[in-house]
Amino acid sequence: MARKPRIHFPGALFHVITRGNQRQAIFKEPQDFRRFQEFLDKAQKQWGVRLYAYALMPNHVHLLLQVHHSPLSKMMQTLLHRYTHYYNKRYRKVGHLFQGRYKAILCDRDEYLAELIRYIHLNPVRAQLVKTPQAYSWSSHRIYLGGTDGGGVAVEEILARWSKQRKQAVKSYERFVADGISQGHMEKYYEVKKQRYLGEEEFVERIEEQLSEAETEAPVRITMSEIVGEVARGWDMAVSEIHSKGRGRLEAMLRVLAAYVGREIGGMTLTKAAGYLRRDLATLSIGVRKLEQKMKEDPKLRQRVEGLIEKLKQGRKKQYQISKA
């Protein structure tokens, strides 16, 4: 599926999850946890991001962040780059430390803020690393028990939800977290609509109204067979010629076009397209990149492809996908 642009608007709340490459450990010693905490504090202040909670697990990290004017990607790039540089230098490693693209789930702040703080702070308990959340050194739970902002965590704002009296607020918060221990693993915090929303349908619809159609377009229900058929008609060619083993330039371009369209409007992976078209994945992937560049340079081609896409989308239902974080 094509990578969609990151969502950004001031006030957006994200549950961020980033894992070690191949689920390897990203923290080996206490010093590693401390350095990540330092980098996190600096990065969120540098980019004006509000930090509500974090849990640093041995091979992955949970963050709950609210952005303002700067996109989340700015802070995350700064944070992950600095820590990767530190880790590789310390352990004499090279290459990627984190697994691909971090997961950033846009959350309904009104509905999920407190619940997610509790859920993140209980991660070490669910992982059986400790018996109580306060026994874990590498989350923001202890900062909440202290009752005042620290390490960049917006503790006071959250505690005020329970009481204006600090001691009472801390007690209420501690009881709230303890009540969640019996809940165990809550799958609903990992099942997200369209790979990036945590909230009810009303929340998704409200957010999408604020975003451009291009950014929020959902995949439509369509098959590669339908796409190839429409591509063939649009270029006055028989479907069999697109499927043929011939290496003609036009036939090759139309196969690439079909894969591109399938990815853009059907949420299909290039692997799936390559399997359907019986073509080499690497060759098809290179072809798609070349097509995208050519569309930038050739307005007529871009308009023709966009026209094809609009025609294929007409009357088709969108499909909301459920994915695991």
C-alpha atoms as a PDB file:
ATOM      1  CA  MET A   1       0.000   0.000   0.000  1.00  0.00           C
ATOM      2  CA  ALA A   2       1.257   3.484  -0.806  1.00  0.00           C
ATOM      3  CA  ARG A   3       2.628   5.426   2.086  1.00  0.00           C
ATOM      4  CA  LYS A   4       0.188   8.174   2.929  1.00  0.00           C
ATOM      5  CA  PRO A   5       1.445  11.560   4.081  1.00  0.00           C
ATOM      6  CA  ARG A   6       1.605  12.041   7.825  1.00  0.00           C
ATOM      7  CA  ILE A   7      -1.406  13.851   9.210  1.00  0.00           C
ATOM      8  CA  HIS A   8      -0.648  17.204  10.769  1.00  0.00           C
ATOM      9  CA  PHE A   9      -2.698  19.927  12.373  1.00  0.00           C
ATOM     10  CA  PRO A  10      -2.130  21.914  15.577  1.00  0.00           C
ATOM     11  CA  GLY A  11      -3.476  20.023  18.571  1.00  0.00           C
ATOM     12  CA  ALA A  12      -3.293  16.555  17.006  1.00  0.00           C
ATOM     13  CA  LEU A  13      -2.693  13.803  19.571  1.00  0.00           C
ATOM     14  CA  PHE A  14      -0.560  10.841  18.519  1.00  0.00           C
ATOM     15  CA  HIS A  15       0.200   7.481  20.093  1.00  0.00           C
ATOM     16  CA  VAL A  16       3.620   6.739  18.640  1.00  0.00           C
ATOM     17  CA  ILE A  17       5.127   3.245  18.624  1.00  0.00           C
ATOM     18  CA  THR A  18       8.621   2.566  17.321  1.00  0.00           C
ATOM     19  CA  ARG A  19      10.332  -0.813  17.486  1.00  0.00           C
ATOM     20  CA  GLY A  20      13.857  -2.098  17.227  1.00  0.00           C
ATOM     21  CA  ASN A  21      14.838  -3.412  13.806  1.00  0.00           C
ATOM     22  CA  GLN A  22      13.770  -7.078  13.674  1.00  0.00           C
ATOM     23  CA  ARG A  23      12.530  -6.495  17.231  1.00  0.00           C
ATOM     24  CA  GLN A  24      16.090  -6.299  18.532  1.00  0.00           C
ATOM     25  CA  ALA A  25      16.818  -4.670  21.874  1.00  0.00           C
ATOM     26  CA  ILE A  26      17.274  -0.918  21.596  1.00  0.00           C
ATOM     27  CA  PHE A  27      18.184  -0.447  25.256  1.00  0.00           C
ATOM     28  CA  LYS A  28      20.896  -2.694  26.697  1.00  0.00           C
ATOM     29  CA  GLU A  29      21.966  -0.827  29.815  1.00  0.00           C
ATOM     30  CA  PRO A  30      20.469   1.793  32.173  1.00  0.00           C
ATOM     31  CA  GLN A  31      22.594   4.461  30.489  1.00  0.00           C
ATOM     32  CA  ASP A  32      20.780   3.795  27.207  1.00  0.00           C
ATOM     33  CA  PHE A  33      17.381   4.462  28.772  1.00  0.00           C
ATOM     34  CA  ARG A  34      18.673   7.656  30.360  1.00  0.00           C
ATOM     35  CA  ARG A  35      20.134   8.950  27.128  1.00  0.00           C
ATOM     36  CA  PHE A  36      16.888   8.310  25.282  1.00  0.00           C
ATOM     37  CA  GLN A  37      15.022  10.214  28.002  1.00  0.00           C
ATOM     38  CA  GLU A  38      17.431  13.121  27.563  1.00  0.00           C
ATOM     39  CA  PHE A  39      17.034  13.115  23.787  1.00  0.00           C
ATOM     40  CA  LEU A  40      13.254  12.907  24.142  1.00  0.00           C
ATOM     41  CA  ASP A  41      13.151  15.877  26.512  1.00  0.00           C
ATOM     42  CA  LYS A  42      15.320  17.981  24.206  1.00  0.00           C
ATOM     43  CA  ALA A  43      13.524  17.010  20.992  1.00  0.00           C
ATOM     44  CA  GLN A  44      10.003  17.676  22.260  1.00  0.00           C
ATOM     45  CA  LYS A  45      11.066  21.081  23.580  1.00  0.00           C
ATOM     46  CA  GLN A  46      12.942  21.906  20.381  1.00  0.00           C
ATOM     47  CA  TRP A  47       9.872  21.246  18.218  1.00  0.00           C
ATOM     48  CA  GLY A  48       7.196  22.499  20.600  1.00  0.00           C
ATOM     49  CA  VAL A  49       5.606  19.090  21.144  1.00  0.00           C
ATOM     50  CA  ARG A  50       3.621  18.350  24.314  1.00  0.00           C
ATOM     51  CA  LEU A  51       4.580  15.037  25.906  1.00  0.00           C
ATOM     52  CA  TYR A  52       1.910  13.305  27.993  1.00  0.00           C
ATOM     53  CA  ALA A  53       3.386   9.856  28.579  1.00  0.00           C
ATOM     54  CA  TYR A  54       6.113   7.455  27.570  1.00  0.00           C
ATOM     55  CA  ALA A  55       7.249   3.900  28.257  1.00  0.00           C
ATOM     56  CA  LEU A  56      10.675   2.746  27.137  1.00  0.00           C
ATOM     57  CA  MET A  57      10.529  -1.022  26.732  1.00  0.00           C
ATOM     58  CA  PRO A  58      13.593  -3.167  25.972  1.00  0.00           C
ATOM     59  CA  ASN A  59      12.821  -3.436  22.240  1.00  0.00           C
ATOM     60  CA  HIS A  60      10.222  -0.747  21.583  1.00  0.00           C
ATOM     61  CA  VAL A  61       8.982   2.654  22.716  1.00  0.00           C
ATOM     62  CA  HIS A  62       5.534   4.106  23.379  1.00  0.00           C
ATOM     63  CA  LEU A  63       5.029   7.884  23.298  1.00  0.00           C
ATOM     64  CA  LEU A  64       1.877   9.970  23.685  1.00  0.00           C
ATOM     65  CA  LEU A  65       2.427  13.369  22.063  1.00  0.00           C
ATOM     66  CA  GLN A  66       0.443  16.413  21.038  1.00  0.00           C
ATOM     67  CA  VAL A  67       1.863  18.525  18.217  1.00  0.00           C
ATOM     68  CA  HIS A  68       1.445  22.207  17.587  1.00  0.00           C
ATOM     69  CA  HIS A  69       2.892  24.083  14.604  1.00  0.00           C
ATOM     70  CA  SER A  70       5.694  21.670  13.731  1.00  0.00           C
ATOM     71  CA  PRO A  71       4.819  18.252  12.265  1.00  0.00           C
ATOM     72  CA  LEU A  72       5.443  15.187  14.410  1.00  0.00           C
ATOM     73  CA  SER A  73       7.958  13.927  11.848  1.00  0.00           C
ATOM     74  CA  LYS A  74      10.370  16.756  12.708  1.00  0.00           C
ATOM     75  CA  MET A  75      10.587  15.746  16.337  1.00  0.00           C
ATOM     76  CA  MET A  76      10.708  12.020  15.624  1.00  0.00           C
ATOM     77  CA  GLN A  77      13.467  12.385  13.040  1.00  0.00           C
ATOM     78  CA  THR A  78      15.513  14.417  15.516  1.00  0.00           C
ATOM     79  CA  LEU A  79      14.912  11.969  18.371  1.00  0.00           C
ATOM     80  CA  LEU A  80      15.525   8.726  16.490  1.00  0.00           C
ATOM     81  CA  HIS A  81      18.538  10.071  14.612  1.00  0.00           C
ATOM     82  CA  ARG A  82      20.239  11.271  17.786  1.00  0.00           C
ATOM     83  CA  TYR A  83      19.605   8.051  19.657  1.00  0.00           C
ATOM     84  CA  THR A  84      20.663   5.838  16.731  1.00  0.00           C
ATOM     85  CA  HIS A  85      23.910   7.824  16.431  1.00  0.00           C
ATOM     86  CA  TYR A  86      24.518   7.404  20.164  1.00  0.00           C
ATOM     87  CA  TYR A  87      23.702   3.673  20.122  1.00  0.00           C
ATOM     88  CA  ASN A  88      25.794   2.840  17.069  1.00  0.00           C
ATOM     89  CA  LYS A  89      28.770   4.730  18.424  1.00  0.00           C
ATOM     90  CA  ARG A  90      28.473   3.155  21.867  1.00  0.00           C
ATOM     91  CA  TYR A  91      28.102  -0.412  20.617  1.00  0.00           C
ATOM     92  CA  ARG A  92      30.156  -0.040  17.428  1.00  0.00           C
ATOM     93  CA  LYS A  93      27.228  -0.791  15.152  1.00  0.00           C
ATOM     94  CA  VAL A  94      26.209   0.549  11.751  1.00  0.00           C
ATOM     95  CA  GLY A  95      22.909   0.851   9.929  1.00  0.00           C
ATOM     96  CA  HIS A  96      19.317   1.064  11.098  1.00  0.00           C
ATOM     97  CA  LEU A  97      18.430   0.606  14.748  1.00  0.00           C
ATOM     98  CA  PHE A  98      14.681   1.136  14.418  1.00  0.00           C
ATOM     99  CA  GLN A  99      12.286  -0.913  12.332  1.00  0.00           C
ATOM    100  CA  GLY A 100      11.141   1.007   9.277  1.00  0.00           C
ATOM    101  CA  ARG A 101       8.593   3.742   9.724  1.00  0.00           C
ATOM    102  CA  TYR A 102       7.406   4.492  13.249  1.00  0.00           C
ATOM    103  CA  LYS A 103       3.688   4.051  13.851  1.00  0.00           C
ATOM    104  CA  ALA A 104       1.810   7.280  14.564  1.00  0.00           C
ATOM    105  CA  ILE A 105      -1.849   6.790  15.468  1.00  0.00           C
ATOM    106  CA  LEU A 106      -3.998   9.915  15.516  1.00  0.00           C
ATOM    107  CA  CYS A 107      -6.188   9.644  18.626  1.00  0.00           C
ATOM    108  CA  ASP A 108      -9.438  11.175  19.770  1.00  0.00           C
ATOM    109  CA  ARG A 109      -8.051  13.351  22.570  1.00  0.00           C
ATOM    110  CA  ASP A 110     -11.338  13.779  24.435  1.00  0.00           C
ATOM    111  CA  GLU A 111     -12.071  10.054  24.430  1.00  0.00           C
ATOM    112  CA  TYR A 112      -8.643   8.466  24.820  1.00  0.00           C
ATOM    113  CA  LEU A 113      -6.099  10.809  26.450  1.00  0.00           C
ATOM    114  CA  ALA A 114      -6.364   9.534  30.036  1.00  0.00           C
ATOM    115  CA  GLU A 115      -6.953   5.939  28.920  1.00  0.00           C
ATOM    116  CA  LEU A 116      -3.828   5.945  26.771  1.00  0.00           C
ATOM    117  CA  ILE A 117      -1.692   7.432  29.537  1.00  0.00           C
ATOM    118  CA  ARG A 118      -2.807   4.580  31.783  1.00  0.00           C
ATOM    119  CA  TYR A 119      -2.331   1.992  29.081  1.00  0.00           C
ATOM    120  CA  ILE A 120       1.184   3.171  28.237  1.00  0.00           C
ATOM    121  CA  HIS A 121       2.228   3.251  31.889  1.00  0.00           C
ATOM    122  CA  LEU A 122       0.976  -0.315  32.371  1.00  0.00           C
ATOM    123  CA  ASN A 123       3.037  -1.715  29.487  1.00  0.00           C
ATOM    124  CA  PRO A 124       5.882  -2.900  31.768  1.00  0.00           C
ATOM    125  CA  VAL A 125       3.356  -4.679  34.014  1.00  0.00           C
ATOM    126  CA  ARG A 126       1.674  -6.445  31.090  1.00  0.00           C
ATOM    127  CA  ALA A 127       5.105  -7.460  29.797  1.00  0.00           C
ATOM    128  CA  GLN A 128       5.805  -8.937  33.264  1.00  0.00           C
ATOM    129  CA  LEU A 129       8.914  -6.817  33.690  1.00  0.00           C
ATOM    130  CA  VAL A 130       7.573  -5.527  37.025  1.00  0.00           C
ATOM    131  CA  LYS A 131       4.579  -6.188  39.248  1.00  0.00           C
ATOM    132  CA  THR A 132       3.559  -2.543  39.654  1.00  0.00           C
ATOM    133  CA  PRO A 133       3.996   0.437  37.314  1.00  0.00           C
ATOM    134  CA  GLN A 134       5.832   2.469  39.967  1.00  0.00           C
ATOM    135  CA  ALA A 135       8.515  -0.236  40.084  1.00  0.00           C
ATOM    136  CA  TYR A 136       9.529   0.538  36.488  1.00  0.00           C
ATOM    137  CA  SER A 137      12.166   3.236  36.107  1.00  0.00           C
ATOM    138  CA  TRP A 138      11.801   3.923  32.399  1.00  0.00           C
ATOM    139  CA  SER A 139       8.282   5.302  32.021  1.00  0.00           C
ATOM    140  CA  SER A 140       6.709   8.631  32.965  1.00  0.00           C
ATOM    141  CA  HIS A 141       4.487   7.031  35.639  1.00  0.00           C
ATOM    142  CA  ARG A 142       6.781   8.035  38.510  1.00  0.00           C
ATOM    143  CA  ILE A 143       6.743  11.621  37.266  1.00  0.00           C
ATOM    144  CA  TYR A 144       2.959  11.610  37.624  1.00  0.00           C
ATOM    145  CA  LEU A 145       3.279  10.294  41.166  1.00  0.00           C
ATOM    146  CA  GLY A 146       5.574  13.252  41.886  1.00  0.00           C
ATOM    147  CA  GLY A 147       2.712  15.557  40.968  1.00  0.00           C
ATOM    148  CA  THR A 148       4.670  18.180  39.003  1.00  0.00           C
ATOM    149  CA  ASP A 149       5.908  18.542  35.456  1.00  0.00           C
ATOM    150  CA  GLY A 150       9.289  16.953  34.875  1.00  0.00           C
ATOM    151  CA  GLY A 151      11.327  15.592  32.011  1.00  0.00           C
ATOM    152  CA  GLY A 152       9.108  17.541  29.663  1.00  0.00           C
ATOM    153  CA  VAL A 153       5.987  15.586  30.692  1.00  0.00           C
ATOM    154  CA  ALA A 154       2.784  17.636  31.055  1.00  0.00           C
ATOM    155  CA  VAL A 155       1.820  16.053  34.377  1.00  0.00           C
ATOM    156  CA  GLU A 156       0.025  18.979  35.987  1.00  0.00           C
ATOM    157  CA  GLU A 157      -2.353  19.445  33.069  1.00  0.00           C
ATOM    158  CA  ILE A 158      -3.506  15.832  33.317  1.00  0.00           C
ATOM    159  CA  LEU A 159      -3.690  15.634  37.106  1.00  0.00           C
ATOM    160  CA  ALA A 160      -5.943  18.705  37.120  1.00  0.00           C
ATOM    161  CA  ARG A 161      -8.594  16.498  35.520  1.00  0.00           C
ATOM    162  CA  TRP A 162      -9.005  14.746  38.866  1.00  0.00           C
ATOM    163  CA  SER A 163      -8.528  17.563  41.360  1.00  0.00           C
ATOM    164  CA  LYS A 164      -7.053  21.014  41.837  1.00  0.00           C
ATOM    165  CA  GLN A 165      -5.447  19.715  45.017  1.00  0.00           C
ATOM    166  CA  ARG A 166      -2.170  18.052  44.039  1.00  0.00           C
ATOM    167  CA  LYS A 167      -2.178  15.300  46.677  1.00  0.00           C
ATOM    168  CA  GLN A 168      -5.756  14.339  45.922  1.00  0.00           C
ATOM    169  CA  ALA A 169      -5.120  14.422  42.186  1.00  0.00           C
ATOM    170  CA  VAL A 170      -2.107  12.106  42.532  1.00  0.00           C
ATOM    171  CA  LYS A 171      -4.104   9.657  44.661  1.00  0.00           C
ATOM    172  CA  SER A 172      -6.950   9.636  42.148  1.00  0.00           C
ATOM    173  CA  TYR A 173      -4.542   9.144  39.268  1.00  0.00           C
ATOM    174  CA  GLU A 174      -2.742   6.299  41.075  1.00  0.00           C
ATOM    175  CA  ARG A 175      -6.055   4.583  41.769  1.00  0.00           C
ATOM    176  CA  PHE A 176      -7.106   5.068  38.137  1.00  0.00           C
ATOM    177  CA  VAL A 177      -3.930   3.370  36.889  1.00  0.00           C
ATOM    178  CA  ALA A 178      -4.215   0.540  39.427  1.00  0.00           C
ATOM    179  CA  ASP A 179      -7.777  -0.150  38.284  1.00  0.00           C
ATOM    180  CA  GLY A 180      -6.418  -0.806  34.800  1.00  0.00           C
ATOM    181  CA  ILE A 181      -4.053  -3.603  35.804  1.00  0.00           C
ATOM    182  CA  SER A 182      -6.822  -6.202  35.672  1.00  0.00           C
ATOM    183  CA  GLN A 183      -7.768  -5.158  32.133  1.00  0.00           C
ATOM    184  CA  GLY A 184      -4.742  -6.825  30.580  1.00  0.00           C
ATOM    185  CA  HIS A 185      -3.905  -6.273  26.914  1.00  0.00           C
ATOM    186  CA  MET A 186      -6.513  -3.945  25.381  1.00  0.00           C
ATOM    187  CA  GLU A 187      -6.665  -4.770  21.678  1.00  0.00           C
ATOM    188  CA  LYS A 188      -8.733  -1.690  20.902  1.00  0.00           C
ATOM    189  CA  TYR A 189      -5.686   0.532  21.425  1.00  0.00           C
ATOM    190  CA  TYR A 190      -3.910  -1.295  18.588  1.00  0.00           C
ATOM    191  CA  GLU A 191      -6.765  -1.612  16.096  1.00  0.00           C
ATOM    192  CA  VAL A 192      -6.886   1.547  14.052  1.00  0.00           C
ATOM    193  CA  LYS A 193      -9.024   2.678  11.149  1.00  0.00           C
ATOM    194  CA  LYS A 194      -7.265   3.376   7.873  1.00  0.00           C
ATOM    195  CA  GLN A 195      -3.947   2.541   9.536  1.00  0.00           C
ATOM    196  CA  ARG A 196      -3.859   5.809  11.459  1.00  0.00           C
ATOM    197  CA  TYR A 197      -7.009   6.652  13.455  1.00  0.00           C
ATOM    198  CA  LEU A 198      -8.031   5.655  16.982  1.00  0.00           C
ATOM    199  CA  GLY A 199     -11.564   6.825  17.535  1.00  0.00           C
ATOM    200  CA  GLU A 200     -15.173   6.321  16.557  1.00  0.00           C
ATOM    201  CA  GLU A 201     -16.494   6.892  13.037  1.00  0.00           C
ATOM    202  CA  GLU A 202     -17.612  10.406  13.984  1.00  0.00           C
ATOM    203  CA  PHE A 203     -14.056  11.288  14.977  1.00  0.00           C
ATOM    204  CA  VAL A 204     -12.644   9.922  11.720  1.00  0.00           C
ATOM    205  CA  GLU A 205     -15.188  11.837   9.663  1.00  0.00           C
ATOM    206  CA  ARG A 206     -14.562  15.066  11.584  1.00  0.00           C
ATOM    207  CA  ILE A 207     -10.807  14.839  11.089  1.00  0.00           C
ATOM    208  CA  GLU A 208     -11.108  14.011   7.415  1.00  0.00           C
ATOM    209  CA  GLU A 209     -13.162  17.135   6.869  1.00  0.00           C
ATOM    210  CA  GLN A 210     -10.161  19.131   8.067  1.00  0.00           C
ATOM    211  CA  LEU A 211      -7.707  17.462   5.742  1.00  0.00           C
ATOM    212  CA  SER A 212      -7.263  17.653   2.011  1.00  0.00           C
ATOM    213  CA  GLU A 213      -8.983  14.985  -0.052  1.00  0.00           C
ATOM    214  CA  ALA A 214      -5.673  13.840  -1.468  1.00  0.00           C
ATOM    215  CA  GLU A 215      -4.234  13.179   1.961  1.00  0.00           C
ATOM    216  CA  THR A 216      -7.183  11.303   3.395  1.00  0.00           C
ATOM    217  CA  GLU A 217      -8.462   9.348   0.405  1.00  0.00           C
ATOM    218  CA  ALA A 218      -9.411   5.831   1.437  1.00  0.00           C
ATOM    219  CA  PRO A 219      -8.774   2.833  -0.787  1.00  0.00           C
ATOM    220  CA  VAL A 220     -11.749   1.804  -2.900  1.00  0.00           C
ATOM    221  CA  ARG A 221     -12.987  -1.709  -3.484  1.00  0.00           C
ATOM    222  CA  ILE A 222     -11.484  -2.661  -6.798  1.00  0.00           C
ATOM    223  CA  THR A 223      -9.549  -5.540  -8.358  1.00  0.00           C
ATOM    224  CA  MET A 224      -6.416  -5.569 -10.488  1.00  0.00           C
ATOM    225  CA  SER A 225      -8.476  -7.132 -13.274  1.00  0.00           C
ATOM    226  CA  GLU A 226     -10.790  -4.114 -13.329  1.00  0.00           C
ATOM    227  CA  ILE A 227      -7.848  -1.724 -13.274  1.00  0.00           C
ATOM    228  CA  VAL A 228      -6.046  -3.470 -16.135  1.00  0.00           C
ATOM    229  CA  GLY A 229      -9.249  -3.493 -18.154  1.00  0.00           C
ATOM    230  CA  GLU A 230      -9.734   0.251 -17.758  1.00  0.00           C
ATOM    231  CA  VAL A 231      -6.062   0.953 -18.502  1.00  0.00           C
ATOM    232  CA  ALA A 232      -6.343  -1.088 -21.688  1.00  0.00           C
ATOM    233  CA  ARG A 233      -9.469   0.803 -22.790  1.00  0.00           C
ATOM    234  CA  GLY A 234      -7.897   4.155 -21.966  1.00  0.00           C
ATOM    235  CA  TRP A 235      -4.884   3.414 -24.172  1.00  0.00           C
ATOM    236  CA  ASP A 236      -6.818   1.549 -26.864  1.00  0.00           C
ATOM    237  CA  MET A 237      -5.040  -1.731 -26.286  1.00  0.00           C
ATOM    238  CA  ALA A 238      -6.195  -5.293 -25.686  1.00  0.00           C
ATOM    239  CA  VAL A 239      -5.944  -6.637 -22.141  1.00  0.00           C
ATOM    240  CA  SER A 240      -4.048  -9.636 -23.493  1.00  0.00           C
ATOM    241  CA  GLU A 241      -1.286  -7.334 -24.749  1.00  0.00           C
ATOM    242  CA  ILE A 242      -0.753  -5.931 -21.249  1.00  0.00           C
ATOM    243  CA  HIS A 243      -0.564  -9.460 -19.888  1.00  0.00           C
ATOM    244  CA  SER A 244       1.699 -10.673 -22.686  1.00  0.00           C
ATOM    245  CA  LYS A 245       5.341 -11.523 -22.125  1.00  0.00           C
ATOM    246  CA  GLY A 246       6.402  -9.029 -24.749  1.00  0.00           C
ATOM    247  CA  ARG A 247       8.820  -6.291 -23.767  1.00  0.00           C
ATOM    248  CA  GLY A 248       7.265  -3.486 -25.794  1.00  0.00           C
ATOM    249  CA  ARG A 249       7.742  -0.066 -24.215  1.00  0.00           C
ATOM    250  CA  LEU A 250       4.036   0.828 -24.192  1.00  0.00           C
ATOM    251  CA  GLU A 251       2.952  -2.526 -22.772  1.00  0.00           C
ATOM    252  CA  ALA A 252       5.580  -2.237 -20.020  1.00  0.00           C
ATOM    253  CA  MET A 253       4.457   1.309 -19.205  1.00  0.00           C
ATOM    254  CA  LEU A 254       0.810   0.219 -18.945  1.00  0.00           C
ATOM    255  CA  ARG A 255       1.704  -2.602 -16.579  1.00  0.00           C
ATOM    256  CA  VAL A 256       3.515  -0.089 -14.392  1.00  0.00           C
ATOM    257  CA  LEU A 257       0.527   2.244 -14.646  1.00  0.00           C
ATOM    258  CA  ALA A 258      -1.842  -0.516 -13.530  1.00  0.00           C
ATOM    259  CA  ALA A 259       0.359  -1.238 -10.514  1.00  0.00           C
ATOM    260  CA  TYR A 260       0.545   2.468  -9.669  1.00  0.00           C
ATOM    261  CA  VAL A 261      -3.223   2.911  -9.890  1.00  0.00           C
ATOM    262  CA  GLY A 262      -3.836  -0.210  -7.827  1.00  0.00           C
ATOM    263  CA  ARG A 263      -1.583   1.146  -5.103  1.00  0.00           C
ATOM    264  CA  GLU A 264      -3.044   4.645  -5.156  1.00  0.00           C
ATOM    265  CA  ILE A 265      -6.762   3.874  -5.133  1.00  0.00           C
ATOM    266  CA  GLY A 266      -7.025   0.233  -4.123  1.00  0.00           C
ATOM    267  CA  GLY A 267      -4.446   0.122  -1.362  1.00  0.00           C
ATOM    268  CA  MET A 268      -2.693  -2.756  -3.136  1.00  0.00           C
ATOM    269  CA  THR A 269       0.946  -3.533  -2.544  1.00  0.00           C
ATOM    270  CA  LEU A 270       3.346  -3.666  -5.469  1.00  0.00           C
ATOM    271  CA  THR A 271       3.989  -7.259  -4.461  1.00  0.00           C
ATOM    272  CA  LYS A 272       0.352  -8.091  -5.132  1.00  0.00           C
ATOM    273  CA  ALA A 273       0.408  -6.222  -8.440  1.00  0.00           C
ATOM    274  CA  ALA A 274       3.610  -7.975  -9.499  1.00  0.00           C
ATOM    275  CA  GLY A 275       2.036 -11.334  -8.706  1.00  0.00           C
ATOM    276  CA  TYR A 276      -1.077 -10.554 -10.722  1.00  0.00           C
ATOM    277  CA  LEU A 277       0.878  -9.196 -13.689  1.00  0.00           C
ATOM    278  CA  ARG A 278       3.498 -11.949 -13.385  1.00  0.00           C
ATOM    279  CA  ARG A 279       6.341  -9.491 -13.420  1.00  0.00           C
ATOM    280  CA  ASP A 280       9.482  -9.011 -11.347  1.00  0.00           C
ATOM    281  CA  LEU A 281       8.770  -6.922  -8.232  1.00  0.00           C
ATOM    282  CA  ALA A 282      12.026  -4.966  -8.347  1.00  0.00           C
ATOM    283  CA  THR A 283      11.528  -4.042 -12.015  1.00  0.00           C
ATOM    284  CA  LEU A 284       7.935  -3.005 -11.356  1.00  0.00           C
ATOM    285  CA  SER A 285       8.962  -0.893  -8.358  1.00  0.00           C
ATOM    286  CA  ILE A 286      11.594   0.947 -10.410  1.00  0.00           C
ATOM    287  CA  GLY A 287       9.023   1.497 -13.139  1.00  0.00           C
ATOM    288  CA  VAL A 288       6.556   3.046 -10.702  1.00  0.00           C
ATOM    289  CA  ARG A 289       9.182   5.486  -9.426  1.00  0.00           C
ATOM    290  CA  LYS A 290      10.005   6.478 -13.003  1.00  0.00           C
ATOM    291  CA  LEU A 291       6.311   6.928 -13.784  1.00  0.00           C
ATOM    292  CA  GLU A 292       5.867   9.201 -10.772  1.00  0.00           C
ATOM    293  CA  GLN A 293       8.804  11.333 -11.882  1.00  0.00           C
ATOM    294  CA  LYS A 294       7.523  11.492 -15.451  1.00  0.00           C
ATOM    295  CA  MET A 295       4.092  12.603 -14.225  1.00  0.00           C
ATOM    296  CA  LYS A 296       5.753  15.498 -12.422  1.00  0.00           C
ATOM    297  CA  GLU A 297       7.497  16.541 -15.620  1.00  0.00           C
ATOM    298  CA  ASP A 298       4.640  15.873 -18.060  1.00  0.00           C
ATOM    299  CA  PRO A 299       1.366  17.662 -17.144  1.00  0.00           C
ATOM    300  CA  LYS A 300      -0.550  15.940 -19.956  1.00  0.00           C
ATOM    301  CA  LEU A 301       0.415  12.490 -18.711  1.00  0.00           C
ATOM    302  CA  ARG A 302      -0.446  13.455 -15.163  1.00  0.00           C
ATOM    303  CA  GLN A 303      -3.877  14.719 -16.231  1.00  0.00           C
ATOM    304  CA  ARG A 304      -4.507  11.552 -18.206  1.00  0.00           C
ATOM    305  CA  VAL A 305      -3.609   9.325 -15.269  1.00  0.00           C
ATOM    306  CA  GLU A 306      -5.646  11.434 -12.845  1.00  0.00           C
ATOM    307  CA  GLY A 307      -8.594  11.206 -15.213  1.00  0.00           C
ATOM    308  CA  LEU A 308      -8.271   7.421 -15.277  1.00  0.00           C
ATOM    309  CA  ILE A 309      -8.143   7.312 -11.483  1.00  0.00           C
ATOM    310  CA  GLU A 310     -11.234   9.489 -11.109  1.00  0.00           C
ATOM    311  CA  LYS A 311     -13.129   7.310 -13.571  1.00  0.00           C
ATOM    312  CA  LEU A 312     -12.217   4.158 -11.647  1.00  0.00           C
ATOM    313  CA  LYS A 313     -13.226   5.677  -8.307  1.00  0.00           C
ATOM    314  CA  GLN A 314     -16.680   6.776  -9.408  1.00  0.00           C
ATOM    315  CA  GLY A 315     -19.448   4.888  -7.673  1.00  0.00           C
ATOM    316  CA  ARG A 316     -17.103   2.677  -5.668  1.00  0.00           C
ATOM    317  CA  LYS A 317     -17.278   2.301  -1.918  1.00  0.00           C
ATOM    318  CA  LYS A 318     -14.324   3.136   0.258  1.00  0.00           C
ATOM    319  CA  GLN A 319     -12.855   0.423   2.421  1.00  0.00           C
ATOM    320  CA  TYR A 320     -11.772   1.200   5.967  1.00  0.00           C
ATOM    321  CA  GLN A 321      -8.948  -1.078   6.926  1.00  0.00           C
ATOM    322  CA  ILE A 322      -8.236  -2.343  10.412  1.00  0.00           C
ATOM    323  CA  SER A 323      -4.549  -2.718  11.108  1.00  0.00           C
ATOM    324  CA  LYS A 324      -2.403  -3.575  14.104  1.00  0.00           C
ATOM    325  CA  ALA A 325      -0.009  -1.028  15.497  1.00  0.00           C
END
